Amino acid sequence: MNIIYSSSDSYMRYTLISICSLFENNKESETINVTILSTDIKETSSRQLLELSKKYNREVRVIDVSKQINNYLKGCNLPSF
């Protein structure tokens, strides 16, 4: 099972809860791969994600999409964040 989240660090608490629930309620699934698209995951949140993935023996990846978002905004003549 492949799951994609989009989250910021300010919403990471709720993302972690959701991922924990996903893992807890799908223990019978052979594989669950979680990818998080984000622009600002802090080190503390990264550690929490790593601990959670280890606890359930699952894969969690974070992909920084800030460059892609800023390029898109630039193409639309909008200010970057």
Protein backbone atom coordinates (compact mmCIF):
# COMPACT_ATOMS: atom_id res chain seq x y z
CA MET A 1 0.00 0.00 0.00
CA ASN A 2 1.39 3.40 -0.99
CA ILE A 3 0.11 6.50 0.81
CA ILE A 4 0.98 10.13 0.11
CA TYR A 5 0.52 12.98 2.58
CA SER A 6 1.04 16.67 2.07
CA SER A 7 1.95 18.38 5.32
CA SER A 8 3.85 21.24 6.89
CA ASP A 9 5.71 21.11 10.16
CA SER A 10 2.95 23.12 11.83
CA TYR A 11 0.49 20.31 10.96
CA MET A 12 2.90 17.45 11.67
CA ARG A 13 1.27 16.53 14.98
CA TYR A 14 -1.92 15.57 13.14
CA THR A 15 -0.01 13.91 10.33
CA LEU A 16 1.79 11.71 12.87
CA ILE A 17 -1.51 10.77 14.48
CA SER A 18 -2.95 9.86 11.10
CA ILE A 19 0.09 7.78 10.13
CA CYS A 20 0.04 6.00 13.50
CA SER A 21 -3.63 5.16 13.00
CA LEU A 22 -2.88 3.94 9.48
CA PHE A 23 -0.14 1.63 10.76
CA GLU A 24 -2.11 0.47 13.77
CA ASN A 25 -5.22 -0.39 11.77
CA ASN A 26 -3.37 -2.11 8.94
CA LYS A 27 -1.00 -4.41 10.79
CA GLU A 28 -1.97 -7.28 8.48
CA SER A 29 -0.78 -5.39 5.40
CA GLU A 30 2.52 -6.74 4.19
CA THR A 31 3.87 -3.35 3.12
CA ILE A 32 2.84 0.22 3.76
CA ASN A 33 4.97 2.95 2.23
CA VAL A 34 4.25 6.51 3.30
CA THR A 35 5.55 9.54 1.42
CA ILE A 36 5.15 13.04 2.83
CA LEU A 37 5.40 16.02 0.49
CA SER A 38 6.48 19.04 2.48
CA THR A 39 8.39 22.29 2.48
CA ASP A 40 9.43 22.67 6.09
CA ILE A 41 9.80 19.51 8.17
CA LYS A 42 11.95 20.25 11.23
CA GLU A 43 14.51 17.86 12.72
CA THR A 44 12.25 17.06 15.68
CA SER A 45 9.45 15.99 13.38
CA SER A 46 11.84 13.96 11.26
CA ARG A 47 12.96 12.06 14.35
CA GLN A 48 9.36 11.39 15.34
CA LEU A 49 8.61 10.06 11.86
CA LEU A 50 11.67 7.82 12.00
CA GLU A 51 10.69 6.46 15.43
CA LEU A 52 7.16 5.76 14.22
CA SER A 53 8.37 4.00 11.08
CA LYS A 54 10.77 1.83 13.11
CA LYS A 55 8.10 0.95 15.67
CA TYR A 56 5.83 -0.44 12.96
CA ASN A 57 8.60 -1.61 10.61
CA ARG A 58 7.27 0.59 7.81
CA GLU A 59 8.82 3.03 5.37
CA VAL A 60 8.22 6.77 5.72
CA ARG A 61 9.90 9.18 3.29
CA VAL A 62 9.82 12.96 3.29
CA ILE A 63 10.24 14.80 0.01
CA ASP A 64 11.01 18.51 0.09
CA VAL A 65 8.90 20.07 -2.66
CA SER A 66 9.69 23.73 -1.90
CA LYS A 67 11.78 24.16 -5.06
CA GLN A 68 9.02 22.79 -7.28
CA ILE A 69 6.38 24.95 -5.60
CA ASN A 70 8.51 28.08 -5.87
CA ASN A 71 9.20 27.39 -9.57
CA TYR A 72 5.47 27.00 -10.16
CA LEU A 73 4.69 30.23 -8.29
CA LYS A 74 7.39 32.06 -10.26
CA GLY A 75 5.85 30.81 -13.52
CA CYS A 76 2.50 32.26 -12.40
CA ASN A 77 4.12 35.59 -11.41
CA LEU A 78 3.28 34.94 -7.76
CA PRO A 79 5.62 35.55 -4.81
CA SER A 80 7.48 32.55 -3.46
CA PHE A 81 7.12 31.52 0.16
